[in-house]
């Protein structure tokens, strides 16, 4: 059995403490110590999602909809919040924390791990609470295939962390990244699968949107909710490859930026 006193385990324990401290610092800096404090981390996505659910239900009660509106919106908008929050919080993550890098134990990857963990944990907890509440109020049925629902969410979280870290690293080189990402993010919002299912589109458009990585996890989650009652289009191998490539790029960028800051 491997000893916990080995350099690997000691290093892992140090990083765990560093990330924990950065998480607490991030929570206090962002939400403060007063009122409900860090509970806003949970309430913000819930309030946003509930508002959109109510609006869409009111609109489509008149015009009709091809599937149940509430689960369609809960899954779509929760996924949207995940990659949008990670990308926006990832940009310029290092600059306000630059002074912390003077501590030998704090590395650039620790800053990104803490910030991305906070975003993923907050939106994930809000999603779970929202689904459980909607099911309890009989506004949604229990998902038919929980494995696909969870797998889709994990892929979306992985993709979102990679996206946020890459944008965060690139934004340290030039402010143009932040300016370019805003219009790009709005375009991706339209083709991310939040507002449509792939099967609703003409075949030509289906082939085009299947190149958008966010579409695949969203379709996986909807397949997990509705099961075989509708047709869903996703490619696990494609989103897995995209996430692996983004992870590699993120690691290379963090290593490169770290070396430049230390020289």
Protein backbone atom coordinates (compact mmCIF):
# COMPACT_ATOMS: atom_id res chain seq x y z
CA UNK A 1 0.00 0.00 0.00
CA UNK A 2 1.32 3.42 -0.98
CA UNK A 3 2.39 5.56 1.95
CA UNK A 4 0.51 8.78 2.55
CA UNK A 5 3.84 10.39 3.47
CA UNK A 6 5.14 10.13 -0.07
CA UNK A 7 5.90 13.40 -1.93
CA UNK A 8 2.82 12.90 -4.15
CA UNK A 9 0.39 12.68 -1.23
CA UNK A 10 2.07 15.53 0.64
CA UNK A 11 1.80 17.71 -2.45
CA UNK A 12 -1.83 16.72 -2.95
CA UNK A 13 -2.62 17.59 0.66
CA UNK A 14 -0.97 21.00 0.28
CA UNK A 15 -2.95 21.71 -2.87
CA UNK A 16 -6.17 20.65 -1.15
CA UNK A 17 -5.57 23.17 1.65
CA UNK A 18 -4.59 25.91 -0.81
CA UNK A 19 -7.69 25.39 -2.97
CA UNK A 20 -9.88 25.31 0.13
CA UNK A 21 -8.45 28.63 1.32
CA UNK A 22 -8.90 30.18 -2.14
CA UNK A 23 -12.50 28.96 -2.22
CA UNK A 24 -13.26 30.64 1.09
CA UNK A 25 -11.55 33.83 -0.06
CA UNK A 26 -13.55 33.81 -3.30
CA UNK A 27 -16.85 33.29 -1.47
CA UNK A 28 -16.18 36.06 1.06
CA UNK A 29 -14.92 38.47 -1.62
CA UNK A 30 -17.90 37.86 -3.89
CA UNK A 31 -20.77 37.48 -1.42
CA UNK A 32 -19.50 39.03 1.81
CA UNK A 33 -20.28 38.00 5.37
CA UNK A 34 -23.64 39.74 5.77
CA UNK A 35 -27.25 38.84 4.96
CA UNK A 36 -27.44 35.37 3.36
CA UNK A 37 -23.84 35.53 2.14
CA UNK A 38 -22.73 32.53 0.11
CA UNK A 39 -26.33 31.26 -0.23
CA UNK A 40 -26.58 33.66 -3.17
CA UNK A 41 -24.33 31.17 -4.94
CA UNK A 42 -27.30 28.81 -4.86
CA UNK A 43 -30.15 31.30 -5.15
CA UNK A 44 -28.91 33.28 -8.16
CA UNK A 45 -29.24 30.44 -10.71
CA UNK A 46 -32.50 29.26 -9.11
CA UNK A 47 -34.11 32.71 -9.34
CA UNK A 48 -32.96 33.10 -12.94
CA UNK A 49 -34.20 29.63 -13.96
CA UNK A 50 -37.56 29.94 -12.17
CA UNK A 51 -38.21 33.31 -13.82
CA UNK A 52 -37.53 31.89 -17.27
CA UNK A 53 -39.66 28.80 -16.54
CA UNK A 54 -42.64 30.97 -15.56
CA UNK A 55 -42.23 33.22 -18.61
CA UNK A 56 -41.97 30.32 -21.07
CA UNK A 57 -44.94 28.52 -19.50
CA UNK A 58 -47.07 31.65 -19.88
CA UNK A 59 -46.03 32.14 -23.49
CA UNK A 60 -46.44 28.55 -24.63
CA UNK A 61 -49.72 27.97 -22.80
CA UNK A 62 -51.19 30.05 -25.62
CA UNK A 63 -49.06 28.93 -28.56
CA UNK A 64 -48.38 25.32 -27.56
CA UNK A 65 -45.07 23.46 -27.36
CA UNK A 66 -43.76 20.13 -28.65
CA UNK A 67 -42.60 18.87 -25.25
CA UNK A 68 -43.17 19.77 -21.61
CA UNK A 69 -41.97 23.33 -21.17
CA UNK A 70 -40.75 23.12 -17.56
CA UNK A 71 -38.16 20.30 -17.93
CA UNK A 72 -37.12 21.67 -21.30
CA UNK A 73 -36.27 25.04 -19.76
CA UNK A 74 -34.83 23.70 -16.48
CA UNK A 75 -32.35 21.48 -18.34
CA UNK A 76 -31.54 24.00 -21.07
CA UNK A 77 -31.08 27.07 -18.90
CA UNK A 78 -29.20 25.26 -16.15
CA UNK A 79 -26.74 24.02 -18.79
CA UNK A 80 -26.51 27.52 -20.21
CA UNK A 81 -25.74 29.00 -16.79
CA UNK A 82 -23.00 26.45 -16.27
CA UNK A 83 -20.89 27.30 -19.32
CA UNK A 84 -21.75 30.99 -19.28
CA UNK A 85 -20.82 31.42 -15.60
CA UNK A 86 -17.58 29.46 -15.94
CA UNK A 87 -16.52 31.42 -19.01
CA UNK A 88 -17.34 34.84 -17.55
CA UNK A 89 -15.72 34.07 -14.19
CA UNK A 90 -12.70 32.51 -15.85
CA UNK A 91 -11.79 35.68 -17.73
CA UNK A 92 -9.31 37.82 -15.77
CA UNK A 93 -9.11 35.31 -12.91
CA UNK A 94 -5.36 35.66 -12.40
CA UNK A 95 -5.00 39.46 -12.33
CA UNK A 96 -6.91 40.14 -9.05
CA UNK A 97 -5.13 37.19 -7.43
CA UNK A 98 -1.64 37.98 -8.69
CA UNK A 99 -0.34 38.91 -5.22
CA UNK A 100 -1.20 35.41 -3.96
CA UNK A 101 1.26 33.90 -6.41
CA UNK A 102 4.12 35.25 -4.30
CA UNK A 103 3.32 32.42 -1.89
CA UNK A 104 5.26 29.36 -2.94
CA UNK A 105 2.32 26.99 -2.37
CA UNK A 106 -0.12 28.95 -4.56
CA UNK A 107 -0.04 28.15 -8.26
CA UNK A 108 -2.04 29.45 -11.19
CA UNK A 109 -3.92 26.17 -11.49
CA UNK A 110 -5.08 26.54 -7.87
CA UNK A 111 -6.75 29.85 -8.72
CA UNK A 112 -8.62 28.31 -11.64
CA UNK A 113 -9.52 25.15 -9.72
CA UNK A 114 -11.02 27.21 -6.89
CA UNK A 115 -12.98 29.55 -9.16
CA UNK A 116 -14.27 26.81 -11.48
CA UNK A 117 -15.18 24.58 -8.53
CA UNK A 118 -17.23 27.38 -7.03
CA UNK A 119 -19.16 27.97 -10.26
CA UNK A 120 -19.79 24.28 -10.98
CA UNK A 121 -20.79 23.54 -7.39
CA UNK A 122 -23.19 26.48 -7.24
CA UNK A 123 -25.01 25.78 -10.51
CA UNK A 124 -25.02 22.01 -9.88
CA UNK A 125 -26.57 22.41 -6.42
CA UNK A 126 -29.14 24.82 -7.84
CA UNK A 127 -29.98 22.37 -10.64
CA UNK A 128 -30.44 19.46 -8.25
CA UNK A 129 -32.58 21.54 -5.88
CA UNK A 130 -34.65 22.93 -8.76
CA UNK A 131 -35.33 19.49 -10.27
CA UNK A 132 -36.19 17.99 -6.87
CA UNK A 133 -38.56 20.88 -6.11
CA UNK A 134 -40.27 20.67 -9.50
CA UNK A 135 -40.70 16.92 -9.14
CA UNK A 136 -42.03 17.35 -5.60
CA UNK A 137 -44.57 19.95 -6.80
CA UNK A 138 -45.56 17.63 -9.67
CA UNK A 139 -44.40 20.18 -12.25
CA UNK A 140 -41.91 17.63 -13.63
CA UNK A 141 -41.86 13.86 -13.68
CA UNK A 142 -38.94 11.79 -12.41
CA UNK A 143 -36.24 11.45 -15.12
CA UNK A 144 -36.51 8.15 -16.97
CA UNK A 145 -32.78 7.46 -17.30
CA UNK A 146 -30.76 9.11 -14.54
CA UNK A 147 -27.47 7.78 -15.93
CA UNK A 148 -27.74 9.81 -19.16
CA UNK A 149 -28.89 12.88 -17.24
CA UNK A 150 -25.89 12.73 -14.89
CA UNK A 151 -23.47 11.89 -17.71
CA UNK A 152 -24.67 14.88 -19.73
CA UNK A 153 -24.29 17.22 -16.75
CA UNK A 154 -20.76 15.94 -16.03
CA UNK A 155 -19.73 16.44 -19.65
CA UNK A 156 -21.17 19.96 -19.59
CA UNK A 157 -19.29 20.71 -16.36
CA UNK A 158 -16.04 19.35 -17.83
CA UNK A 159 -16.48 21.40 -20.99
CA UNK A 160 -17.36 24.54 -18.99
CA UNK A 161 -14.28 24.25 -16.76
CA UNK A 162 -12.05 23.80 -19.79
CA UNK A 163 -13.65 26.77 -21.55
CA UNK A 164 -13.38 29.03 -18.50
CA UNK A 165 -9.75 28.10 -17.88
CA UNK A 166 -8.70 28.62 -21.51
CA UNK A 167 -10.43 32.00 -21.71
CA UNK A 168 -8.95 32.95 -18.34
CA UNK A 169 -5.41 32.17 -19.47
CA UNK A 170 -5.80 33.91 -22.83
CA UNK A 171 -7.32 37.00 -21.21
CA UNK A 172 -4.08 37.50 -19.28
CA UNK A 173 -2.29 38.06 -22.59
CA UNK A 174 -4.69 40.57 -24.15
CA UNK A 175 -7.91 42.41 -23.30
CA UNK A 176 -9.20 41.54 -26.76
CA UNK A 177 -10.21 38.10 -25.47
CA UNK A 178 -12.82 39.60 -23.19
CA UNK A 179 -14.15 41.89 -25.91
CA UNK A 180 -14.32 39.13 -28.51
CA UNK A 181 -15.90 36.60 -26.14
CA UNK A 182 -18.98 38.70 -25.39
CA UNK A 183 -20.39 38.66 -28.96
CA UNK A 184 -19.12 35.13 -29.47
CA UNK A 185 -20.92 34.00 -26.34
CA UNK A 186 -24.21 35.47 -27.59
CA UNK A 187 -23.81 33.63 -30.89
CA UNK A 188 -23.06 30.35 -29.10
CA UNK A 189 -26.11 30.95 -26.91
CA UNK A 190 -28.29 30.77 -30.01
CA UNK A 191 -26.79 27.48 -31.24
CA UNK A 192 -26.06 25.79 -27.90
CA UNK A 193 -29.26 23.73 -27.80
CA UNK A 194 -30.86 25.82 -25.05
CA UNK A 195 -33.79 26.95 -27.20
CA UNK A 196 -34.26 23.91 -29.45
CA UNK A 197 -33.85 20.17 -29.81
CA UNK A 198 -31.70 18.98 -32.68
CA UNK A 199 -34.51 16.78 -34.03
CA UNK A 200 -36.67 19.86 -34.61
CA UNK A 201 -34.20 21.27 -37.16
CA UNK A 202 -33.91 20.47 -40.89
CA UNK A 203 -31.25 17.84 -41.64
CA UNK A 204 -28.79 20.42 -42.96
CA UNK A 205 -29.00 22.49 -39.80
CA UNK A 206 -28.74 19.35 -37.70
CA UNK A 207 -25.36 18.51 -39.19
CA UNK A 208 -24.19 22.09 -38.60
CA UNK A 209 -25.21 22.37 -34.93
CA UNK A 210 -23.72 18.97 -34.14
CA UNK A 211 -20.31 20.65 -34.42
CA UNK A 212 -21.22 22.84 -31.42
CA UNK A 213 -19.92 20.99 -28.32
CA UNK A 214 -22.59 22.25 -25.90
CA UNK A 215 -25.37 20.66 -27.95
CA UNK A 216 -24.25 17.10 -27.10
CA UNK A 217 -24.46 17.28 -23.27
CA UNK A 218 -27.81 19.10 -23.47
CA UNK A 219 -29.21 16.39 -25.76
CA UNK A 220 -27.82 13.72 -23.43
CA UNK A 221 -29.59 15.27 -20.44
CA UNK A 222 -32.87 15.57 -22.32
CA UNK A 223 -32.53 11.95 -23.42
CA UNK A 224 -32.06 11.06 -19.77
CA UNK A 225 -35.23 12.92 -18.84
CA UNK A 226 -37.58 11.86 -21.64
CA UNK A 227 -36.06 8.48 -22.50
CA UNK A 228 -37.34 6.93 -25.73
CA UNK A 229 -40.34 9.21 -26.00
CA UNK A 230 -38.46 11.48 -28.43
CA UNK A 231 -35.43 11.36 -30.72
CA UNK A 232 -32.17 12.85 -29.48
CA UNK A 233 -28.91 13.43 -31.31
CA UNK A 234 -25.54 13.34 -29.56
CA UNK A 235 -22.11 11.81 -29.96
CA UNK A 236 -20.35 10.78 -26.74
CA UNK A 237 -17.03 10.20 -28.52
CA UNK A 238 -17.09 13.72 -29.99
CA UNK A 239 -17.77 15.56 -26.73
CA UNK A 240 -15.23 13.35 -24.94
CA UNK A 241 -12.58 14.26 -27.53
CA UNK A 242 -13.44 17.96 -27.30
CA UNK A 243 -13.16 17.91 -23.49
CA UNK A 244 -9.83 16.06 -23.59
CA UNK A 245 -8.36 18.50 -26.12
CA UNK A 246 -9.60 21.50 -24.13
CA UNK A 247 -8.11 20.06 -20.94
CA UNK A 248 -4.74 19.61 -22.65
CA UNK A 249 -4.84 23.16 -24.06
CA UNK A 250 -5.78 24.55 -20.63
CA UNK A 251 -2.90 22.72 -18.94
CA UNK A 252 -0.42 23.95 -21.55
CA UNK A 253 -1.64 27.54 -21.24
CA UNK A 254 -1.42 27.47 -17.44
CA UNK A 255 2.11 26.08 -17.60
CA UNK A 256 3.16 28.69 -20.14
CA UNK A 257 1.69 31.59 -18.21
CA UNK A 258 3.23 30.38 -14.96
CA UNK A 259 6.70 30.22 -16.50
CA UNK A 260 6.40 33.74 -17.88
CA UNK A 261 5.30 35.14 -14.53
CA UNK A 262 8.17 33.46 -12.68
CA UNK A 263 10.89 34.70 -15.04
